[in-house]
N, C-alpha and C. Protein backbone atom coordinates (compact mmCIF):
# COMPACT_ATOMS: atom_id res chain seq x y z
N MET A 1 49.12 32.58 -3.09
CA MET A 1 47.87 32.25 -4.25
C MET A 1 48.05 30.75 -4.89
N ARG A 2 49.53 30.38 -4.65
CA ARG A 2 50.10 29.27 -4.78
C ARG A 2 49.58 27.97 -3.30
N PHE A 3 49.17 28.65 -2.19
CA PHE A 3 48.95 28.04 -0.86
C PHE A 3 47.51 27.44 -1.34
N TYR A 4 46.42 28.28 -1.87
CA TYR A 4 45.18 27.63 -1.46
C TYR A 4 44.60 26.40 -2.72
N PRO A 5 45.73 26.25 -3.72
CA PRO A 5 45.46 24.93 -4.05
C PRO A 5 45.79 23.56 -3.57
N PHE A 6 46.81 23.90 -2.68
CA PHE A 6 47.31 22.88 -1.70
C PHE A 6 46.19 22.73 0.06
N ALA A 7 45.83 23.64 0.10
CA ALA A 7 45.18 24.01 0.99
C ALA A 7 43.77 22.82 0.85
N ALA A 8 43.23 23.37 -0.37
CA ALA A 8 41.64 22.71 -0.86
C ALA A 8 42.42 21.08 -1.16
N LEU A 9 42.96 20.55 -1.52
CA LEU A 9 43.57 19.89 -1.57
C LEU A 9 43.56 18.73 -0.49
N ALA A 10 44.13 19.41 0.45
CA ALA A 10 44.63 18.90 2.03
C ALA A 10 42.94 18.83 2.58
N LEU A 11 42.15 19.27 2.29
CA LEU A 11 40.69 19.74 2.78
C LEU A 11 40.07 18.67 2.55
N LEU A 12 40.00 18.10 0.96
CA LEU A 12 39.51 17.29 0.22
C LEU A 12 40.12 15.65 1.12
N THR A 13 41.28 15.49 0.84
CA THR A 13 42.05 14.30 1.35
C THR A 13 41.90 14.15 2.82
N GLY A 14 41.66 15.49 3.83
CA GLY A 14 41.05 15.10 5.11
C GLY A 14 39.93 14.46 5.36
N CYS A 15 39.02 14.51 4.45
CA CYS A 15 37.36 13.89 4.13
C CYS A 15 37.37 12.63 3.65
N SER A 16 38.37 12.54 2.78
CA SER A 16 38.33 11.16 2.20
C SER A 16 37.70 9.92 2.90
N ASN A 17 37.99 10.08 4.28
CA ASN A 17 37.89 8.68 4.99
C ASN A 17 36.23 9.01 5.72
N PHE A 18 35.60 10.08 5.35
CA PHE A 18 34.45 9.85 6.08
C PHE A 18 33.74 9.43 5.62
N SER A 19 32.66 8.67 6.73
CA SER A 19 31.81 7.83 6.12
C SER A 19 30.50 8.27 6.78
N PHE A 20 29.25 7.96 6.15
CA PHE A 20 28.10 8.39 6.37
C PHE A 20 26.88 7.17 6.68
N ASP A 21 26.32 6.56 7.64
CA ASP A 21 25.60 5.96 7.81
C ASP A 21 24.13 6.48 7.94
N SER A 22 23.33 5.64 7.13
CA SER A 22 21.89 5.99 7.07
C SER A 22 20.65 4.91 7.09
N ASN A 23 19.36 5.46 7.73
CA ASN A 23 18.58 4.31 7.68
C ASN A 23 17.62 3.93 6.08
N LEU A 24 18.02 5.05 5.58
CA LEU A 24 17.60 5.24 4.05
C LEU A 24 17.89 3.86 3.33
N ASP A 25 17.09 2.47 3.33
CA ASP A 25 17.38 2.13 2.42
C ASP A 25 16.34 1.26 1.85
N LYS A 26 16.13 0.28 1.08
CA LYS A 26 14.95 -0.04 0.31
C LYS A 26 13.96 -0.66 1.06
N GLU A 27 14.27 -1.52 2.33
CA GLU A 27 13.41 -2.26 2.99
C GLU A 27 12.90 -0.93 3.96
N ASN A 28 13.52 0.17 4.49
CA ASN A 28 12.99 1.10 5.02
C ASN A 28 11.79 1.88 4.18
N PHE A 29 11.76 2.30 2.95
CA PHE A 29 11.30 2.58 2.16
C PHE A 29 10.00 1.65 2.02
N ASP A 30 10.17 0.43 1.55
CA ASP A 30 8.92 -0.07 1.76
C ASP A 30 7.99 -0.38 2.99
N GLU A 31 8.60 -0.05 4.10
CA GLU A 31 7.90 -0.22 4.90
C GLU A 31 7.12 1.13 5.17
N TYR A 32 7.44 2.11 5.01
CA TYR A 32 7.09 3.16 4.62
C TYR A 32 5.98 3.62 4.06
N PHE A 33 6.04 2.97 2.97
CA PHE A 33 5.10 3.15 1.78
C PHE A 33 3.99 2.36 1.63
N LYS A 34 4.35 1.30 2.56
CA LYS A 34 3.28 -0.18 2.41
C LYS A 34 2.02 0.36 2.35
N PRO A 35 1.13 1.19 3.33
CA PRO A 35 -0.03 1.66 3.77
C PRO A 35 -0.65 2.10 2.28
N SER A 36 0.43 2.85 0.93
CA SER A 36 -0.30 3.37 -0.14
C SER A 36 -0.03 2.54 -1.19
N GLN A 37 0.21 1.10 -0.92
CA GLN A 37 0.05 0.08 -2.09
C GLN A 37 -1.24 -0.62 -1.63
N VAL A 38 -2.23 -0.19 -0.80
CA VAL A 38 -3.57 -0.58 -0.56
C VAL A 38 -4.76 0.53 -0.59
N GLN A 39 -5.39 0.25 -1.53
CA GLN A 39 -6.43 1.51 -1.68
C GLN A 39 -7.85 0.87 -0.96
N VAL A 40 -8.13 1.79 -0.48
CA VAL A 40 -9.65 1.86 0.11
C VAL A 40 -10.80 1.79 -0.46
N TYR A 41 -11.42 0.73 -0.65
CA TYR A 41 -12.74 0.62 -1.21
C TYR A 41 -13.98 0.57 -0.69
N GLU A 42 -15.03 1.32 -1.20
CA GLU A 42 -16.21 0.94 -0.88
C GLU A 42 -17.00 -0.10 -1.78
N LYS A 43 -17.89 -0.97 -0.93
CA LYS A 43 -18.54 -2.13 -1.75
C LYS A 43 -18.91 -1.65 -3.04
N GLU A 44 -19.95 -0.56 -3.25
CA GLU A 44 -20.22 -0.02 -4.16
C GLU A 44 -19.11 -0.15 -5.33
N GLN A 45 -17.76 0.48 -5.10
CA GLN A 45 -17.00 0.88 -6.10
C GLN A 45 -16.66 -0.63 -6.83
N LEU A 46 -16.63 -1.31 -5.96
CA LEU A 46 -16.21 -2.88 -6.77
C LEU A 46 -17.38 -3.77 -7.41
N GLU A 47 -18.46 -2.89 -7.64
CA GLU A 47 -19.62 -3.82 -8.37
C GLU A 47 -19.08 -4.28 -10.03
N ASP A 48 -18.22 -3.73 -10.48
CA ASP A 48 -17.90 -3.87 -11.64
C ASP A 48 -16.36 -3.94 -11.95
N LYS A 49 -15.97 -4.44 -10.59
CA LYS A 49 -14.46 -5.10 -10.76
C LYS A 49 -14.42 -6.45 -10.47
N GLN A 50 -13.19 -7.10 -10.80
CA GLN A 50 -13.16 -8.74 -10.63
C GLN A 50 -12.02 -8.16 -9.36
N TYR A 51 -12.48 -9.16 -8.08
CA TYR A 51 -11.85 -9.18 -7.04
C TYR A 51 -11.76 -10.44 -6.09
N ILE A 52 -10.66 -10.92 -5.58
CA ILE A 52 -10.91 -12.07 -4.66
C ILE A 52 -10.82 -11.51 -3.19
N HIS A 53 -11.31 -11.82 -2.26
CA HIS A 53 -11.47 -11.69 -0.87
C HIS A 53 -9.62 -12.98 -0.66
N LEU A 54 -9.32 -12.10 0.30
CA LEU A 54 -8.07 -12.76 0.80
C LEU A 54 -7.56 -13.13 2.24
N THR A 55 -8.46 -12.62 3.09
CA THR A 55 -8.43 -12.43 4.58
C THR A 55 -8.88 -11.65 5.25
N THR A 56 -9.59 -11.89 6.18
CA THR A 56 -10.20 -10.41 7.35
C THR A 56 -8.82 -10.46 8.06
N ILE A 57 -8.63 -8.99 8.19
CA ILE A 57 -7.51 -8.01 8.61
C ILE A 57 -8.21 -7.10 9.99
N GLU A 58 -7.29 -6.67 10.48
CA GLU A 58 -7.58 -5.74 11.63
C GLU A 58 -6.57 -4.54 11.91
N GLY A 59 -7.00 -3.31 12.18
CA GLY A 59 -5.68 -2.24 12.24
C GLY A 59 -5.88 -1.68 14.27
N SER A 60 -4.95 -2.20 14.75
CA SER A 60 -5.66 -1.53 16.26
C SER A 60 -4.06 -0.45 16.85
N VAL A 61 -4.85 0.39 17.49
CA VAL A 61 -3.71 1.26 18.10
C VAL A 61 -3.92 1.16 19.38
N CYS A 62 -2.99 1.82 20.44
CA CYS A 62 -3.25 1.58 22.03
C CYS A 62 -2.48 2.56 22.62
N GLN A 63 -3.50 3.08 23.39
CA GLN A 63 -2.74 4.03 24.44
C GLN A 63 -2.79 3.40 25.85
N GLU A 64 -1.38 2.94 26.26
CA GLU A 64 -1.01 2.36 27.29
C GLU A 64 -1.05 2.94 28.40
N SER A 65 -0.15 4.24 28.28
CA SER A 65 -0.11 5.51 29.47
C SER A 65 -0.78 6.67 29.01
N GLU A 66 -0.27 7.68 29.95
CA GLU A 66 -0.88 9.04 30.25
C GLU A 66 -0.04 9.97 28.64
N ARG A 67 1.12 8.95 28.67
CA ARG A 67 2.36 9.72 27.71
C ARG A 67 2.37 9.20 26.72
N ASP A 68 1.63 8.35 26.38
CA ASP A 68 1.53 7.89 25.27
C ASP A 68 0.31 8.90 24.06
N PRO A 69 0.88 8.94 22.74
CA PRO A 69 -0.55 9.40 22.16
C PRO A 69 -1.83 9.17 22.43
N VAL A 70 -2.94 9.89 22.16
CA VAL A 70 -3.90 9.24 21.93
C VAL A 70 -4.23 8.61 20.33
N PRO A 71 -5.08 7.43 20.74
CA PRO A 71 -5.13 6.59 19.44
C PRO A 71 -6.39 7.38 18.78
N THR A 72 -5.87 7.26 17.29
CA THR A 72 -7.17 7.76 16.44
C THR A 72 -7.55 6.63 15.63
N LEU A 73 -8.69 6.89 14.91
CA LEU A 73 -9.22 6.01 13.84
C LEU A 73 -8.35 5.70 12.80
N ALA A 74 -7.98 7.12 12.24
CA ALA A 74 -6.76 7.22 11.21
C ALA A 74 -5.87 6.01 11.10
N ASP A 75 -5.22 6.46 12.13
CA ASP A 75 -3.90 5.24 12.55
C ASP A 75 -4.43 3.86 13.06
N ALA A 76 -5.42 3.84 13.23
CA ALA A 76 -6.00 2.12 13.24
C ALA A 76 -6.08 1.66 11.95
N ARG A 77 -6.89 2.76 10.93
CA ARG A 77 -6.76 2.79 9.27
C ARG A 77 -5.39 2.07 8.67
N THR A 78 -4.65 2.86 9.05
CA THR A 78 -3.50 3.08 8.30
C THR A 78 -2.99 1.58 8.61
N GLN A 79 -2.51 0.83 10.27
CA GLN A 79 -2.47 -0.12 10.77
C GLN A 79 -3.04 -1.35 9.82
N ALA A 80 -4.60 -1.28 9.57
CA ALA A 80 -4.91 -2.06 8.96
C ALA A 80 -4.48 -2.65 7.30
N ARG A 81 -4.19 -0.89 6.91
CA ARG A 81 -3.78 -1.49 5.26
C ARG A 81 -2.66 -1.82 5.27
N ILE A 82 -1.32 -1.26 6.37
CA ILE A 82 -0.32 -2.08 6.34
C ILE A 82 -0.63 -3.53 6.66
N ALA A 83 -1.44 -3.96 7.42
CA ALA A 83 -1.60 -5.62 7.67
C ALA A 83 -2.06 -6.22 6.22
N ALA A 84 -2.90 -5.31 5.67
CA ALA A 84 -3.17 -5.99 4.13
C ALA A 84 -2.13 -5.95 2.92
N ALA A 85 -1.66 -5.02 3.23
CA ALA A 85 0.17 -4.95 2.09
C ALA A 85 0.56 -6.34 2.25
N GLU A 86 0.63 -6.65 3.82
CA GLU A 86 1.77 -8.12 4.10
C GLU A 86 0.90 -9.19 3.78
N VAL A 87 -0.29 -9.25 3.36
CA VAL A 87 -0.98 -10.49 2.77
C VAL A 87 -1.39 -10.56 1.66
N GLY A 88 -0.59 -9.46 0.93
CA GLY A 88 -0.21 -9.04 -0.81
C GLY A 88 -1.68 -8.32 -1.14
N ALA A 89 -2.46 -7.67 -0.75
CA ALA A 89 -3.77 -7.27 -0.76
C ALA A 89 -3.06 -6.02 -1.69
N ASN A 90 -4.08 -5.47 -2.63
CA ASN A 90 -3.93 -4.32 -3.12
C ASN A 90 -5.13 -3.27 -2.89
N GLY A 91 -6.10 -3.78 -2.15
CA GLY A 91 -7.66 -3.24 -1.76
C GLY A 91 -7.83 -3.73 0.10
N ILE A 92 -8.76 -3.12 0.36
CA ILE A 92 -9.22 -3.00 1.48
C ILE A 92 -10.84 -2.64 1.59
N ILE A 93 -11.52 -3.12 2.10
CA ILE A 93 -12.99 -2.66 2.56
C ILE A 93 -13.17 -2.80 3.92
N PHE A 94 -13.41 -1.64 4.66
CA PHE A 94 -13.62 -1.61 5.79
C PHE A 94 -14.72 -1.99 6.19
N LYS A 95 -15.13 -2.81 7.51
CA LYS A 95 -16.09 -3.15 7.90
C LYS A 95 -17.07 -2.16 9.21
N SER A 96 -16.00 -2.36 9.93
CA SER A 96 -16.29 -1.30 11.35
C SER A 96 -15.07 -0.88 11.87
N CYS A 97 -15.30 0.15 12.67
CA CYS A 97 -14.11 0.92 13.52
C CYS A 97 -14.42 1.24 14.72
N ILE A 98 -13.71 1.16 15.66
CA ILE A 98 -14.51 1.53 16.72
C ILE A 98 -13.23 1.95 18.18
N GLU A 99 -13.88 2.63 18.52
CA GLU A 99 -13.07 3.53 19.45
C GLU A 99 -13.23 2.78 21.13
N THR A 100 -12.14 2.24 21.98
CA THR A 100 -12.65 1.08 23.20
C THR A 100 -11.63 2.00 23.91
N SER A 101 -11.89 0.76 25.40
CA SER A 101 -10.58 0.68 26.42
C SER A 101 -10.47 -0.39 27.01
N ASP A 102 -9.78 -0.79 27.56
CA ASP A 102 -9.92 -1.95 28.47
C ASP A 102 -8.95 -1.74 29.38
N ASP A 103 -8.51 -3.16 30.15
CA ASP A 103 -7.53 -3.00 31.34
C ASP A 103 -6.23 -2.95 31.10
N TYR A 104 -6.12 -3.45 29.74
CA TYR A 104 -4.62 -2.95 28.98
C TYR A 104 -4.33 -1.55 28.21
N CYS A 105 -5.23 -0.80 27.86
CA CYS A 105 -5.39 0.35 27.14
C CYS A 105 -6.27 1.39 27.78
N MET A 106 -5.67 2.53 28.03
CA MET A 106 -6.37 3.43 28.31
C MET A 106 -7.05 4.09 27.04
N ALA A 107 -7.14 3.84 25.63
CA ALA A 107 -7.82 4.36 24.94
C ALA A 107 -7.30 3.57 23.51
N ALA A 108 -7.94 3.06 22.91
CA ALA A 108 -7.76 2.16 21.69
C ALA A 108 -8.49 2.24 20.40
N SER A 109 -8.01 2.58 19.42
CA SER A 109 -8.68 2.65 18.01
C SER A 109 -8.39 1.37 17.15
N ILE A 110 -9.63 0.32 16.75
CA ILE A 110 -9.37 -0.69 16.33
C ILE A 110 -10.69 -0.63 14.69
N CYS A 111 -10.19 -1.33 13.87
CA CYS A 111 -10.87 -0.94 12.32
C CYS A 111 -10.55 -2.47 12.10
N TYR A 112 -11.82 -3.05 11.66
CA TYR A 112 -11.72 -4.50 11.01
C TYR A 112 -12.38 -4.17 9.50
N GLY A 113 -11.34 -4.93 8.73
CA GLY A 113 -11.90 -4.96 6.94
C GLY A 113 -11.78 -6.29 6.38
N GLN A 114 -11.84 -6.53 5.29
CA GLN A 114 -11.50 -7.58 4.20
C GLN A 114 -10.17 -7.16 3.55
N ALA A 115 -9.28 -7.74 3.64
CA ALA A 115 -8.14 -7.70 2.33
C ALA A 115 -8.42 -8.46 1.05
N ILE A 116 -8.26 -7.25 0.23
CA ILE A 116 -8.74 -7.96 -1.52
C ILE A 116 -7.78 -7.37 -2.41
N LYS A 117 -8.03 -8.50 -3.53
CA LYS A 117 -7.03 -8.58 -4.91
C LYS A 117 -7.88 -8.08 -5.24
N VAL A 118 -7.55 -6.74 -5.99
CA VAL A 118 -8.61 -6.29 -7.72
C VAL A 118 -7.65 -6.67 -8.30
N ALA A 119 -8.31 -6.71 -9.38
CA ALA A 119 -7.64 -7.25 -10.91
C ALA A 119 -7.49 -5.90 -11.59
N GLU A 120 -6.52 -5.88 -12.17
CA GLU A 120 -6.31 -4.48 -13.04
C GLU A 120 -6.30 -4.32 -14.14
């Protein structure tokens, strides 16, 4: 019975130099949650609100090869919300979204909109 406390102490001491590295830091959290900082508005929702137009933004996703995931309009809207957050917007009004292809992208989804700052 006297052996158990010493064994437990030895195990705990053996693990005391154990270090754990993680990518969980404030910057990663901010990047991950950036789209949620920007609310999507329809023009009608803003009729009784004060807001300023910051800039025109776009979000795009591209499928370069067959192995890449197929781009979606939802992903393009998310990229546009990230772009809006990066210019300090808390809202976005989408003007248009298209699906296309070109010499570089087998398929692409692109959304255009206005980054806005809504008074709260």
